[in-house]
Structure formats: structure tokens, C-alpha cells
Amino acid sequence: MKFRFLLWMLGRLMSKASRTNPDFQKQLADKELVFQLHTLDGKVARHFIVKDQRVVSKRGPAQQSAFALGFKDATYGYATMTAKNKQLAFMQGIQNKDIQIQGNPALVMWFQGLTKYLMPKKKSAAPKAA
């Protein structure tokens, strides 16, 4: 359930960023594709449609996708996507075959680069009044 919610929330965040964040919109320029994140057992799947510098997410598997990231199960997918060091977690998962990439690996790297625009900006600490 956590993984399903995480994928739904990821879709919401990307959709909002595609409307409001100019840096995120630049990353979407000239991209028209569908990608999906799913569990290898097929229990959880969500696909994301990138078109006209916007992102829309839909539940379920895509008919055809430019790339897909498959996690061995929902628990593992959630743990990987919320890990402190996501890059290391992904690399280990790929080496262990707990994460499978179908399609274009360069687009997977592009997707991972997108996620940095989704984190809320940290507010600078305001100096405290004495």
C-alpha cells in the first residue's frame, strides 16, 4: 500500500512541477514518452505520460513504454525510492537483479534526474531575534 501511494504521490508531484517549475519544464522539453514503475509480480503498476511539457500519471501498466522500472516487490520498491542514498540503492538493486530495467537505460537516468526537482525547497534559516 505504501508503494502504491508513493507512486500516486510521485505522479501528483510531477504533474504539479510540470505546471509550475520552469527548471522541471526544461527537462520535459522535446520529450514525448510513456514510462512506468511497477512490481515484478504485477501487483502494483503506475505509468506516466510525458507530453507537451506536462506529466500525467495513470494507474495500471502502460500499453507500451519507453522504459519501465520493475521492483522485486512493493516493500522493496518503497524502500529503494525512499532510501537516503537513492543512487546507491538503485545501483545495488540493479546489480542484485532486484530492480529490472526494460527499455532505454538513458531515459531511466533522465527520470532519476527529474526527481531532484520534486523535493521541497529548504527554507533558509531566518536569523533569530535576540
C-alpha atoms as a PDB file:
ATOM      1  CA  MET A   1       0.000   0.000   0.000  1.00  0.00           C
ATOM      2  CA  LYS A   2       2.856   2.386   0.798  1.00  0.00           C
ATOM      3  CA  PHE A   3       4.461   1.809  -2.609  1.00  0.00           C
ATOM      4  CA  ARG A   4       1.152   2.345  -4.429  1.00  0.00           C
ATOM      5  CA  PHE A   5       0.664   5.612  -2.512  1.00  0.00           C
ATOM      6  CA  LEU A   6       4.262   6.667  -3.207  1.00  0.00           C
ATOM      7  CA  LEU A   7       3.778   6.184  -6.961  1.00  0.00           C
ATOM      8  CA  TRP A   8       0.491   8.107  -6.860  1.00  0.00           C
ATOM      9  CA  MET A   9       2.147  10.936  -4.931  1.00  0.00           C
ATOM     10  CA  LEU A  10       5.080  10.943  -7.363  1.00  0.00           C
ATOM     11  CA  GLY A  11       2.584  11.438 -10.171  1.00  0.00           C
ATOM     12  CA  ARG A  12       0.937  14.333  -8.329  1.00  0.00           C
ATOM     13  CA  LEU A  13       4.290  15.998  -7.625  1.00  0.00           C
ATOM     14  CA  MET A  14       5.475  15.618 -11.229  1.00  0.00           C
ATOM     15  CA  SER A  15       2.172  16.918 -12.562  1.00  0.00           C
ATOM     16  CA  LYS A  16       2.385  20.000 -10.339  1.00  0.00           C
ATOM     17  CA  ALA A  17       6.057  20.589 -11.153  1.00  0.00           C
ATOM     18  CA  SER A  18       5.288  20.335 -14.877  1.00  0.00           C
ATOM     19  CA  ARG A  19       2.849  23.236 -14.457  1.00  0.00           C
ATOM     20  CA  THR A  20       4.760  25.448 -12.027  1.00  0.00           C
ATOM     21  CA  ASN A  21       8.514  24.739 -12.085  1.00  0.00           C
ATOM     22  CA  PRO A  22      10.415  26.248 -15.052  1.00  0.00           C
ATOM     23  CA  ASP A  23      13.507  24.072 -14.394  1.00  0.00           C
ATOM     24  CA  PHE A  24      11.369  20.929 -14.388  1.00  0.00           C
ATOM     25  CA  GLN A  25       9.625  22.081 -17.581  1.00  0.00           C
ATOM     26  CA  LYS A  26      13.025  22.465 -19.293  1.00  0.00           C
ATOM     27  CA  GLN A  27      13.754  18.805 -18.557  1.00  0.00           C
ATOM     28  CA  LEU A  28      10.494  17.873 -20.287  1.00  0.00           C
ATOM     29  CA  ALA A  29      11.212  19.908 -23.418  1.00  0.00           C
ATOM     30  CA  ASP A  30      11.231  17.794 -26.602  1.00  0.00           C
ATOM     31  CA  LYS A  31      10.150  14.713 -24.633  1.00  0.00           C
ATOM     32  CA  GLU A  32       7.083  12.746 -25.591  1.00  0.00           C
ATOM     33  CA  LEU A  33       7.027   9.349 -23.956  1.00  0.00           C
ATOM     34  CA  VAL A  34       5.384   6.977 -21.548  1.00  0.00           C
ATOM     35  CA  PHE A  35       7.227   5.233 -18.725  1.00  0.00           C
ATOM     36  CA  GLN A  36       6.159   3.025 -15.891  1.00  0.00           C
ATOM     37  CA  LEU A  37       7.162   1.949 -12.407  1.00  0.00           C
ATOM     38  CA  HIS A  38       5.885  -1.422 -11.248  1.00  0.00           C
ATOM     39  CA  THR A  39       6.474  -4.523  -9.183  1.00  0.00           C
ATOM     40  CA  LEU A  40       7.786  -7.601 -10.968  1.00  0.00           C
ATOM     41  CA  ASP A  41       4.897  -9.672  -9.598  1.00  0.00           C
ATOM     42  CA  GLY A  42       2.482  -7.325 -11.409  1.00  0.00           C
ATOM     43  CA  LYS A  43       0.544  -6.346  -8.283  1.00  0.00           C
ATOM     44  CA  VAL A  44       1.405  -2.632  -8.453  1.00  0.00           C
ATOM     45  CA  ALA A  45       1.918  -0.556 -11.589  1.00  0.00           C
ATOM     46  CA  ARG A  46       1.621   3.113 -12.480  1.00  0.00           C
ATOM     47  CA  HIS A  47       2.527   4.770 -15.739  1.00  0.00           C
ATOM     48  CA  PHE A  48       3.430   8.345 -16.500  1.00  0.00           C
ATOM     49  CA  ILE A  49       2.729  10.170 -19.738  1.00  0.00           C
ATOM     50  CA  VAL A  50       5.082  12.998 -20.739  1.00  0.00           C
ATOM     51  CA  LYS A  51       3.659  15.202 -23.486  1.00  0.00           C
ATOM     52  CA  ASP A  52       3.694  18.940 -24.252  1.00  0.00           C
ATOM     53  CA  GLN A  53       5.918  19.633 -21.208  1.00  0.00           C
ATOM     54  CA  ARG A  54       3.329  18.111 -18.873  1.00  0.00           C
ATOM     55  CA  VAL A  55       3.240  14.897 -16.865  1.00  0.00           C
ATOM     56  CA  VAL A  56       0.075  12.890 -16.294  1.00  0.00           C
ATOM     57  CA  SER A  57       0.021   9.681 -14.278  1.00  0.00           C
ATOM     58  CA  LYS A  58      -2.418   6.797 -14.544  1.00  0.00           C
ATOM     59  CA  ARG A  59      -2.779   3.627 -12.531  1.00  0.00           C
ATOM     60  CA  GLY A  60      -2.012   0.291 -14.063  1.00  0.00           C
ATOM     61  CA  PRO A  61       0.561  -0.797 -16.633  1.00  0.00           C
ATOM     62  CA  ALA A  62       1.165   1.118 -19.853  1.00  0.00           C
ATOM     63  CA  GLN A  63       0.310  -0.435 -23.217  1.00  0.00           C
ATOM     64  CA  GLN A  64       3.775   0.492 -24.451  1.00  0.00           C
ATOM     65  CA  SER A  65       6.503   2.386 -22.623  1.00  0.00           C
ATOM     66  CA  ALA A  66       9.868   3.920 -23.490  1.00  0.00           C
ATOM     67  CA  PHE A  67      11.223   2.430 -20.276  1.00  0.00           C
ATOM     68  CA  ALA A  68       9.986   0.608 -17.218  1.00  0.00           C
ATOM     69  CA  LEU A  69      11.481   0.145 -13.780  1.00  0.00           C
ATOM     70  CA  GLY A  70      10.426  -3.088 -12.125  1.00  0.00           C
ATOM     71  CA  PHE A  71      11.000  -3.687  -8.419  1.00  0.00           C
ATOM     72  CA  LYS A  72      11.002  -7.216  -6.961  1.00  0.00           C
ATOM     73  CA  ASP A  73       8.038  -6.305  -4.729  1.00  0.00           C
ATOM     74  CA  ALA A  74       6.210  -3.312  -3.272  1.00  0.00           C
ATOM     75  CA  THR A  75       8.150  -3.307   0.009  1.00  0.00           C
ATOM     76  CA  TYR A  76      11.461  -3.273  -1.838  1.00  0.00           C
ATOM     77  CA  GLY A  77      10.260  -0.571  -4.253  1.00  0.00           C
ATOM     78  CA  TYR A  78       9.181   1.665  -1.390  1.00  0.00           C
ATOM     79  CA  ALA A  79      12.462   1.126   0.485  1.00  0.00           C
ATOM     80  CA  THR A  80      14.521   1.898  -2.627  1.00  0.00           C
ATOM     81  CA  MET A  81      12.615   5.014  -3.620  1.00  0.00           C
ATOM     82  CA  THR A  82      12.722   6.427  -0.093  1.00  0.00           C
ATOM     83  CA  ALA A  83      16.345   5.467   0.690  1.00  0.00           C
ATOM     84  CA  LYS A  84      18.649   8.231   1.902  1.00  0.00           C
ATOM     85  CA  ASN A  85      21.155   7.387  -0.842  1.00  0.00           C
ATOM     86  CA  LYS A  86      18.808   6.599  -3.727  1.00  0.00           C
ATOM     87  CA  GLN A  87      21.584   6.295  -6.292  1.00  0.00           C
ATOM     88  CA  LEU A  88      23.368   3.617  -4.256  1.00  0.00           C
ATOM     89  CA  ALA A  89      20.089   1.804  -3.531  1.00  0.00           C
ATOM     90  CA  PHE A  90      19.238   1.721  -7.251  1.00  0.00           C
ATOM     91  CA  MET A  91      22.707   0.559  -8.280  1.00  0.00           C
ATOM     92  CA  GLN A  92      22.678  -2.245  -5.696  1.00  0.00           C
ATOM     93  CA  GLY A  93      19.161  -3.262  -6.735  1.00  0.00           C
ATOM     94  CA  ILE A  94      20.145  -3.434 -10.390  1.00  0.00           C
ATOM     95  CA  GLN A  95      23.281  -5.471  -9.590  1.00  0.00           C
ATOM     96  CA  ASN A  96      21.289  -7.866  -7.378  1.00  0.00           C
ATOM     97  CA  LYS A  97      18.581  -8.113 -10.047  1.00  0.00           C
ATOM     98  CA  ASP A  98      16.017  -6.851  -7.510  1.00  0.00           C
ATOM     99  CA  ILE A  99      15.365  -3.979  -9.941  1.00  0.00           C
ATOM    100  CA  GLN A 100      14.928  -4.634 -13.634  1.00  0.00           C
ATOM    101  CA  ILE A 101      15.074  -2.009 -16.343  1.00  0.00           C
ATOM    102  CA  GLN A 102      13.152  -2.590 -19.529  1.00  0.00           C
ATOM    103  CA  GLY A 103      13.704  -0.199 -22.416  1.00  0.00           C
ATOM    104  CA  ASN A 104      16.110   2.690 -22.738  1.00  0.00           C
ATOM    105  CA  PRO A 105      18.509   2.976 -19.728  1.00  0.00           C
ATOM    106  CA  ALA A 106      19.418   6.566 -20.713  1.00  0.00           C
ATOM    107  CA  LEU A 107      15.802   7.551 -20.091  1.00  0.00           C
ATOM    108  CA  VAL A 108      15.991   5.963 -16.634  1.00  0.00           C
ATOM    109  CA  MET A 109      18.900   8.301 -15.870  1.00  0.00           C
ATOM    110  CA  TRP A 110      16.825  11.213 -17.206  1.00  0.00           C
ATOM    111  CA  PHE A 111      13.946  10.207 -14.899  1.00  0.00           C
ATOM    112  CA  GLN A 112      16.238   9.992 -11.874  1.00  0.00           C
ATOM    113  CA  GLY A 113      17.465  13.498 -12.693  1.00  0.00           C
ATOM    114  CA  LEU A 114      13.863  14.736 -12.704  1.00  0.00           C
ATOM    115  CA  THR A 115      13.271  13.668  -9.128  1.00  0.00           C
ATOM    116  CA  LYS A 116      15.632  16.328  -7.748  1.00  0.00           C
ATOM    117  CA  TYR A 117      13.114  18.969  -8.832  1.00  0.00           C
ATOM    118  CA  LEU A 118      10.367  17.360  -6.761  1.00  0.00           C
ATOM    119  CA  MET A 119      11.850  17.834  -3.319  1.00  0.00           C
ATOM    120  CA  PRO A 120      10.507  20.834  -1.435  1.00  0.00           C
ATOM    121  CA  LYS A 121      12.966  23.681  -1.270  1.00  0.00           C
ATOM    122  CA  LYS A 122      14.513  24.045   2.154  1.00  0.00           C
ATOM    123  CA  LYS A 123      13.783  27.390   3.692  1.00  0.00           C
ATOM    124  CA  SER A 124      16.919  29.217   4.758  1.00  0.00           C
ATOM    125  CA  ALA A 125      17.074  29.590   8.495  1.00  0.00           C
ATOM    126  CA  ALA A 126      15.962  33.087   9.416  1.00  0.00           C
ATOM    127  CA  PRO A 127      18.202  34.775  11.963  1.00  0.00           C
ATOM    128  CA  LYS A 128      16.611  34.686  15.383  1.00  0.00           C
ATOM    129  CA  ALA A 129      15.807  37.944  17.116  1.00  0.00           C
ATOM    130  CA  ALA A 130      17.779  38.436  20.282  1.00  0.00           C
END
